Amino acid sequence: QVQLVESGGGLVQSGGSLRLSCAASGRVFSYYGMGWFRQAPGKEREFVAAILWTGRHTYYADSVKGRFTISRDNAMTTVVLQMNSLKPEDTGVYYCAADEAPYRPVPVAASSSPYWGQGTQVTVSS
């Protein structure tokens, strides 16, 4: 079983930055792809960013490319989402997710991931 705990959310003004962290425990974290998703009020959960278990491949939603950076430190069992140039439309609950199986060469998908954190609120004011 994989346990995920997010932290780092908060209230920030438009143009500001936040750094989200996801601490993983349980299975051997190093072998699982990881991702960040978000859900705004009244909207479906959407993909934000993902990183493969190797750490060498990253994927981003078009809406966050150039502003967000996902990284992982397997020694620390942590995945980080650095968010810069935040916009009001980035507001939502951000969730960390782990892939359904180890060593997969594709980014984690919300529809298939069985492992989720509790979420952390990000609010960007205009």
Foldseek 3Di string as FASTA:
>chain_A
DKAKAKDWADEEAQQAKIKMKIAIDDPQLLFWKKFKWWDDPPGDIGGAKIAHSVQPDIDGDPVQPPFWDWGDDSVRRMIMIIGGRDDQVVWGWMKMFIAPDGPDPDTHDPVGTPYIHPTDGHGYHD
